[in-house]
Amino acid sequence: MSFDHLQALIKAKKNPTVAGLDARIEYVPEHIRAAAFEEHGVGLKGAAEAIWRFNTGLIDALCDIVPAVKPQAAYYENLGWQGMEVLERTIKYAKEKGLFVIADIKRGDIGSTAQAYSEAWLGTSQVGGTACPVFDADCVTLNGYMGSDAVKPFLKECTERDKCAFVLAKTSNPSSMELQDIVAGDRLVYTVMGDLIQRWGQGTEGKYHYQALGAVVGATHPSVLKELRYRLDKVFFLVPGYGAQGGTAADVRFAFDELGRGAIVIGLAAVIIGQVLFGKLFRNFALKLLAVSIGAILYYIVIQAVLAMGLNPNYLKLLSALVVAMFLSLPYWKGKYFHAKVKTGGASHA
């Protein structure tokens, strides 16, 4: 199954993180925006082109460091058909660079609609007897709270095309408890969903003993991570909520099995560090990409240190402070690469 491929990439790069490609136009460096707007106009086409150029730069910087990327479809839908065309190009480019692509679509429908979604994102569309790949992601995220009818069409594509899918189980957002923590008989709703995911995926185990259906389990609930890791021994985990939402390296360690396998942590913060914080200090885009890479390396070092050596997660704060101090000192010896004045700004991510 495709999770075998993902696990092999994680092992090869010694990095269990996936980088989010969730670019909004305001996150794109100003000179890239300006060039795209000059060529394509200030509008949806110009914005989509700017994001495409930025995405390729990020992929080029990260492809030797991270095993996977996760474009969130909403950011591309936000730009209409032009954005969706860029998403298709981004997925193709990332795969050409050897990256595993998780399309974060969170689809949840039934019948022919679910079948159409699954064909679009994992399979092919039949046109005049010709099978035409559409987005052709390696993996998708799904909302299975409509039951197996919402998942089976995707599972069919997974088994036939060596793909995989993550199904929401216990999500990282605070209001998840309104539904997912409700008592359902002798279990909570999230455990019911976890059990269903493992049951639906029976018979699809691969080389590493993980099924084609994985589960989304948030880092903001470490006790749940630990509980579900023990309970769902054949289910691969996608772990959101690290960093800005409050999850720590000490929390995410519970997502992995005794061999350090079976999970990948969403490392959006690594990209945000480079493009929003450090990126604002640099004039040269190549140096901005270097900053992104360093952010990803820092993220990997912290996770590996905590997981493998049992270090206190407070080392994250120390290492982050050291990196920030290093970058803030660079103007004194590399002043020609920096703006004289740095505009402040930022963005909020859920």
Protein backbone atom coordinates (compact mmCIF):
# COMPACT_ATOMS: atom_id res chain seq x y z
CA MET A 1 0.00 0.00 0.00
CA SER A 2 0.99 3.62 -0.44
CA PHE A 3 1.76 4.07 3.27
CA ASP A 4 4.70 1.72 2.61
CA HIS A 5 6.07 4.31 0.21
CA LEU A 6 5.51 7.12 2.72
CA GLN A 7 7.17 5.17 5.52
CA ALA A 8 10.14 4.37 3.28
CA LEU A 9 10.56 8.08 2.48
CA ILE A 10 10.36 8.97 6.17
CA LYS A 11 13.05 6.40 6.92
CA ALA A 12 15.28 7.56 4.06
CA LYS A 13 15.11 11.22 5.05
CA LYS A 14 14.98 10.55 8.79
CA ASN A 15 12.16 13.06 9.03
CA PRO A 16 8.57 12.21 10.05
CA THR A 17 7.09 15.57 9.03
CA VAL A 18 4.93 16.81 6.17
CA ALA A 19 5.19 20.42 5.00
CA GLY A 20 1.95 22.31 4.41
CA LEU A 21 1.63 24.19 1.12
CA ASP A 22 -1.13 26.47 2.33
CA ALA A 23 -0.01 29.69 0.66
CA ARG A 24 -2.33 32.66 0.53
CA ILE A 25 -1.35 35.53 -1.70
CA GLU A 26 -0.37 37.72 1.27
CA TYR A 27 2.24 35.14 2.32
CA VAL A 28 4.05 35.30 -1.01
CA PRO A 29 7.17 37.54 -1.01
CA GLU A 30 6.46 40.97 -2.43
CA HIS A 31 8.82 40.75 -5.40
CA ILE A 32 7.21 37.48 -6.56
CA ARG A 33 3.74 39.02 -6.27
CA ALA A 34 4.86 42.10 -8.17
CA ALA A 35 6.33 40.08 -11.04
CA ALA A 36 3.23 37.88 -11.34
CA PHE A 37 0.88 40.87 -11.19
CA GLU A 38 2.86 42.70 -13.84
CA GLU A 39 2.65 39.74 -16.19
CA HIS A 40 -0.89 38.50 -15.43
CA GLY A 41 -2.65 41.44 -13.80
CA VAL A 42 -3.86 42.06 -10.26
CA GLY A 43 -6.57 39.43 -10.00
CA LEU A 44 -7.16 35.73 -9.61
CA LYS A 45 -4.81 34.79 -12.46
CA GLY A 46 -1.97 36.93 -11.14
CA ALA A 47 -2.45 35.65 -7.59
CA ALA A 48 -2.53 32.03 -8.74
CA GLU A 49 0.65 32.49 -10.76
CA ALA A 50 2.42 34.09 -7.80
CA ILE A 51 1.48 31.17 -5.56
CA TRP A 52 2.66 28.71 -8.23
CA ARG A 53 6.08 30.38 -8.38
CA PHE A 54 6.31 30.43 -4.60
CA ASN A 55 5.23 26.78 -4.30
CA THR A 56 7.91 25.62 -6.72
CA GLY A 57 10.51 27.51 -4.72
CA LEU A 58 9.37 25.92 -1.49
CA ILE A 59 9.31 22.46 -3.04
CA ASP A 60 12.82 22.93 -4.44
CA ALA A 61 14.05 23.98 -0.99
CA LEU A 62 12.33 21.19 0.94
CA CYS A 63 12.43 18.15 -1.36
CA ASP A 64 15.72 16.88 0.08
CA ILE A 65 14.59 17.42 3.67
CA VAL A 66 10.95 16.39 4.07
CA PRO A 67 9.29 13.25 2.70
CA ALA A 68 5.91 14.79 1.91
CA VAL A 69 3.93 17.95 1.24
CA LYS A 70 0.28 18.66 2.03
CA PRO A 71 -1.49 21.27 -0.09
CA GLN A 72 -4.78 22.38 1.48
CA ALA A 73 -7.35 22.54 -1.32
CA ALA A 74 -9.28 25.43 0.25
CA TYR A 75 -6.47 27.90 -0.43
CA TYR A 76 -6.57 27.02 -4.12
CA GLU A 77 -10.36 26.88 -4.40
CA ASN A 78 -10.23 30.42 -3.00
CA LEU A 79 -8.76 31.51 -6.35
CA GLY A 80 -11.34 29.79 -8.55
CA TRP A 81 -10.39 27.61 -11.51
CA GLN A 82 -7.06 29.39 -11.78
CA GLY A 83 -6.19 28.27 -8.27
CA MET A 84 -7.28 24.69 -8.90
CA GLU A 85 -5.13 24.58 -12.04
CA VAL A 86 -2.17 25.71 -9.93
CA LEU A 87 -2.99 22.98 -7.39
CA GLU A 88 -2.89 20.37 -10.16
CA ARG A 89 0.47 21.71 -11.33
CA THR A 90 1.80 21.84 -7.77
CA ILE A 91 0.91 18.20 -7.10
CA LYS A 92 2.56 17.10 -10.33
CA TYR A 93 5.71 19.14 -9.63
CA ALA A 94 6.01 17.83 -6.07
CA LYS A 95 5.74 14.23 -7.29
CA GLU A 96 8.37 14.88 -9.95
CA LYS A 97 10.66 16.01 -7.11
CA GLY A 98 10.13 12.70 -5.33
CA LEU A 99 7.74 13.99 -2.67
CA PHE A 100 4.71 12.13 -1.35
CA VAL A 101 1.61 14.32 -1.83
CA ILE A 102 -1.26 14.39 0.66
CA ALA A 103 -4.16 16.38 -0.80
CA ASP A 104 -5.95 17.89 2.18
CA ILE A 105 -9.52 17.88 0.84
CA LYS A 106 -11.54 16.46 3.78
CA ARG A 107 -14.27 15.25 1.45
CA GLY A 108 -17.28 13.51 2.99
CA ASP A 109 -20.14 12.59 0.68
CA ILE A 110 -21.84 9.43 -0.52
CA GLY A 111 -22.80 7.48 -3.62
CA SER A 112 -21.90 8.75 -7.05
CA THR A 113 -20.66 12.03 -5.56
CA ALA A 114 -18.09 10.23 -3.42
CA GLN A 115 -17.12 8.14 -6.43
CA ALA A 116 -16.57 11.28 -8.51
CA TYR A 117 -14.41 12.80 -5.77
CA SER A 118 -12.33 9.64 -5.47
CA GLU A 119 -11.81 9.42 -9.23
CA ALA A 120 -10.76 13.07 -9.37
CA TRP A 121 -8.25 13.00 -6.53
CA LEU A 122 -6.88 9.44 -6.57
CA GLY A 123 -8.06 7.76 -9.76
CA THR A 124 -8.98 8.74 -13.30
CA SER A 125 -11.91 10.24 -15.16
CA GLN A 126 -13.22 8.25 -18.10
CA VAL A 127 -13.52 10.39 -21.23
CA GLY A 128 -14.56 8.61 -24.42
CA GLY A 129 -13.07 5.36 -23.24
CA THR A 130 -9.80 7.01 -22.20
CA ALA A 131 -8.73 7.02 -18.54
CA CYS A 132 -7.53 10.54 -17.72
CA PRO A 133 -5.70 11.23 -14.44
CA VAL A 134 -6.88 14.46 -12.82
CA PHE A 135 -5.14 15.59 -9.60
CA ASP A 136 -3.48 12.20 -9.04
CA ALA A 137 -2.46 12.73 -5.40
CA ASP A 138 -0.84 9.90 -3.44
CA CYS A 139 -3.19 10.36 -0.50
CA VAL A 140 -6.22 12.39 0.59
CA THR A 141 -7.91 13.40 3.83
CA LEU A 142 -11.54 12.38 4.36
CA ASN A 143 -14.43 13.04 6.71
CA GLY A 144 -15.92 9.65 7.50
CA TYR A 145 -18.67 10.81 9.82
CA MET A 146 -21.29 9.94 7.16
CA GLY A 147 -20.19 6.31 7.52
CA SER A 148 -18.63 3.80 5.17
CA ASP A 149 -20.56 5.14 2.17
CA ALA A 150 -18.29 8.18 2.28
CA VAL A 151 -15.09 6.13 2.47
CA LYS A 152 -15.54 3.00 0.36
CA PRO A 153 -15.20 4.68 -3.06
CA PHE A 154 -11.85 6.12 -1.97
CA LEU A 155 -10.75 2.80 -0.47
CA LYS A 156 -11.48 1.14 -3.82
CA GLU A 157 -9.16 3.58 -5.59
CA CYS A 158 -6.55 3.09 -2.87
CA THR A 159 -6.41 -0.66 -3.27
CA GLU A 160 -6.48 -0.56 -7.08
CA ARG A 161 -3.90 2.22 -7.52
CA ASP A 162 -1.60 1.86 -4.52
CA LYS A 163 -2.93 5.03 -2.89
CA CYS A 164 -4.07 5.77 0.67
CA ALA A 165 -6.30 8.07 2.72
CA PHE A 166 -6.47 9.61 6.19
CA VAL A 167 -9.90 9.70 7.84
CA LEU A 168 -10.74 12.20 10.59
CA ALA A 169 -10.86 10.51 13.99
CA LYS A 170 -9.92 12.96 16.78
CA THR A 171 -9.12 16.38 15.36
CA SER A 172 -6.96 19.08 16.93
CA ASN A 173 -9.50 21.92 17.04
CA PRO A 174 -10.94 22.87 20.47
CA SER A 175 -14.59 22.30 19.50
CA SER A 176 -13.90 18.70 18.39
CA MET A 177 -15.07 17.62 21.84
CA GLU A 178 -18.61 18.80 21.04
CA LEU A 179 -19.05 15.69 18.91
CA GLN A 180 -15.99 13.49 19.08
CA ASP A 181 -15.91 13.18 22.89
CA ILE A 182 -19.57 12.22 23.30
CA VAL A 183 -20.18 8.88 25.00
CA ALA A 184 -21.51 6.27 22.55
CA GLY A 185 -22.34 3.11 24.48
CA ASP A 186 -19.14 1.95 26.15
CA ARG A 187 -16.91 4.13 23.99
CA LEU A 188 -16.40 7.74 22.98
CA VAL A 189 -17.28 8.81 19.44
CA TYR A 190 -13.63 9.22 18.41
CA THR A 191 -12.86 5.65 19.49
CA VAL A 192 -15.88 4.42 17.54
CA MET A 193 -14.54 6.22 14.47
CA GLY A 194 -11.04 4.87 15.06
CA ASP A 195 -12.38 1.32 15.31
CA LEU A 196 -14.37 1.83 12.11
CA ILE A 197 -11.30 3.09 10.24
CA GLN A 198 -9.33 0.00 11.23
CA ARG A 199 -12.26 -2.27 10.37
CA TRP A 200 -12.85 -0.64 6.97
CA GLY A 201 -9.17 -1.04 6.10
CA GLN A 202 -8.89 -4.74 6.98
CA GLY A 203 -7.10 -6.76 4.33
CA THR A 204 -5.11 -3.83 2.90
CA GLU A 205 -2.02 -4.20 5.11
CA GLY A 206 1.33 -3.52 3.46
CA LYS A 207 4.99 -4.24 4.12
CA TYR A 208 5.05 -2.24 7.36
CA HIS A 209 1.71 -3.77 8.47
CA TYR A 210 -0.25 -0.54 8.05
CA GLN A 211 -3.56 -0.46 6.22
CA ALA A 212 -4.57 1.79 3.33
CA LEU A 213 -6.79 3.87 5.62
CA GLY A 214 -5.05 6.06 8.16
CA ALA A 215 -6.45 8.33 10.86
CA VAL A 216 -6.15 12.02 11.66
CA VAL A 217 -5.40 12.37 15.39
CA GLY A 218 -4.43 15.77 16.83
CA ALA A 219 -1.27 16.48 18.78
CA THR A 220 -3.35 18.67 21.10
CA HIS A 221 -4.74 15.49 22.69
CA PRO A 222 -1.64 13.50 23.75
CA SER A 223 -3.57 11.09 25.96
CA VAL A 224 -5.85 10.30 23.01
CA LEU A 225 -2.83 9.84 20.75
CA LYS A 226 -1.43 7.32 23.20
CA GLU A 227 -4.77 5.56 23.57
CA LEU A 228 -5.46 5.31 19.85
CA ARG A 229 -1.90 4.29 18.97
CA TYR A 230 -2.31 1.28 21.27
CA ARG A 231 -5.84 0.58 20.05
CA LEU A 232 -5.25 1.06 16.30
CA ASP A 233 -2.04 -0.83 15.74
CA LYS A 234 -2.53 -1.11 11.96
CA VAL A 235 -3.55 2.49 11.31
CA PHE A 236 -1.09 5.15 10.13
CA PHE A 237 -1.57 8.55 11.82
CA LEU A 238 -1.55 12.06 10.38
CA VAL A 239 -0.91 14.40 13.32
CA PRO A 240 -2.00 18.06 13.11
CA GLY A 241 -1.84 20.59 15.94
CA TYR A 242 1.91 20.71 16.54
CA GLY A 243 3.26 24.17 17.38
CA ALA A 244 0.80 27.04 17.07
CA GLN A 245 -2.17 24.99 18.29
CA GLY A 246 -0.29 23.86 21.39
CA GLY A 247 1.01 20.38 20.57
CA THR A 248 4.63 19.73 21.59
CA ALA A 249 7.34 17.30 20.55
CA ALA A 250 6.72 15.44 23.81
CA ASP A 251 3.06 15.06 22.81
CA VAL A 252 3.60 13.79 19.27
CA ARG A 253 5.90 10.99 20.39
CA PHE A 254 2.79 9.02 21.35
CA ALA A 255 1.75 8.84 17.68
CA PHE A 256 4.61 6.48 16.79
CA ASP A 257 4.81 2.76 17.39
CA GLU A 258 7.61 1.05 19.34
CA LEU A 259 9.80 1.10 16.19
CA GLY A 260 9.28 4.80 15.61
CA ARG A 261 6.96 4.19 12.68
CA GLY A 262 3.33 4.73 11.81
CA ALA A 263 2.88 8.50 11.91
CA ILE A 264 3.70 11.76 10.16
CA VAL A 265 3.44 15.15 11.85
CA ILE A 266 2.17 18.22 10.03
CA GLY A 267 5.09 20.62 10.00
CA LEU A 268 3.40 23.72 8.62
CA ALA A 269 5.29 25.76 11.21
CA ALA A 270 8.55 24.90 9.47
CA VAL A 271 7.38 26.59 6.29
CA ILE A 272 5.79 29.51 8.11
CA ILE A 273 9.05 30.13 10.02
CA GLY A 274 10.91 30.47 6.75
CA GLN A 275 8.41 32.40 4.66
CA VAL A 276 6.72 34.68 7.19
CA LEU A 277 9.36 35.30 9.87
CA PHE A 278 12.84 34.79 8.47
CA GLY A 279 11.73 35.43 4.90
CA LYS A 280 10.93 39.03 5.76
CA LEU A 281 14.56 39.63 6.71
CA PHE A 282 15.96 38.73 3.32
CA ARG A 283 15.96 40.53 0.00
CA ASN A 284 17.19 37.61 -2.04
CA PHE A 285 14.62 34.85 -2.63
CA ALA A 286 17.31 32.17 -2.60
CA LEU A 287 18.17 33.16 0.95
CA LYS A 288 14.49 33.00 1.85
CA LEU A 289 14.43 29.42 0.62
CA LEU A 290 17.52 28.72 2.72
CA ALA A 291 15.62 30.04 5.73
CA VAL A 292 12.74 27.67 4.97
CA SER A 293 15.17 24.77 4.81
CA ILE A 294 16.73 25.75 8.14
CA GLY A 295 13.25 25.96 9.66
CA ALA A 296 12.54 22.42 8.48
CA ILE A 297 15.90 21.18 9.80
CA LEU A 298 15.25 22.77 13.18
CA TYR A 299 11.83 21.14 13.30
CA TYR A 300 13.36 17.74 12.51
CA ILE A 301 16.16 18.12 15.07
CA VAL A 302 13.74 18.94 17.86
CA ILE A 303 11.39 16.05 17.14
CA GLN A 304 14.19 13.53 16.70
CA ALA A 305 15.97 14.70 19.85
CA VAL A 306 12.87 14.41 21.98
CA LEU A 307 11.73 11.11 20.52
CA ALA A 308 15.07 9.35 20.37
CA MET A 309 16.88 10.80 23.38
CA GLY A 310 14.07 11.55 25.80
CA LEU A 311 14.98 15.24 26.06
CA ASN A 312 12.76 17.76 27.78
CA PRO A 313 10.51 19.46 25.16
CA ASN A 314 11.54 22.83 26.64
CA TYR A 315 14.67 22.42 24.50
CA LEU A 316 12.42 23.50 21.63
CA LYS A 317 12.28 27.00 23.10
CA LEU A 318 16.04 27.09 23.58
CA LEU A 319 16.84 25.92 20.06
CA SER A 320 14.29 28.30 18.54
CA ALA A 321 15.78 31.21 20.49
CA LEU A 322 19.28 30.32 19.29
CA VAL A 323 18.19 30.19 15.65
CA VAL A 324 16.34 33.50 15.92
CA ALA A 325 19.39 35.09 17.57
CA MET A 326 21.60 33.76 14.78
CA PHE A 327 19.42 35.26 12.07
CA LEU A 328 19.06 38.57 13.86
CA SER A 329 22.85 38.84 14.05
CA LEU A 330 23.35 38.22 10.32
CA PRO A 331 22.84 41.87 9.26
CA TYR A 332 26.13 42.78 10.94
CA TRP A 333 28.15 40.59 8.60
CA LYS A 334 25.87 40.15 5.58
CA GLY A 335 24.21 43.54 5.48
CA LYS A 336 24.03 43.72 1.69
CA TYR A 337 21.43 40.92 1.64
CA PHE A 338 19.02 42.57 4.04
CA HIS A 339 16.45 45.32 3.86
CA ALA A 340 17.37 48.43 5.80
CA LYS A 341 13.89 48.38 7.25
CA VAL A 342 11.78 45.33 7.91
CA LYS A 343 8.04 45.58 7.61
CA THR A 344 6.23 43.58 10.23
CA GLY A 345 3.24 41.39 9.60
CA GLY A 346 1.95 37.89 9.95
CA ALA A 347 -0.92 35.52 9.58
CA SER A 348 -3.07 33.30 11.70
CA HIS A 349 -3.38 29.60 10.91
CA ALA A 350 -5.89 27.15 12.29
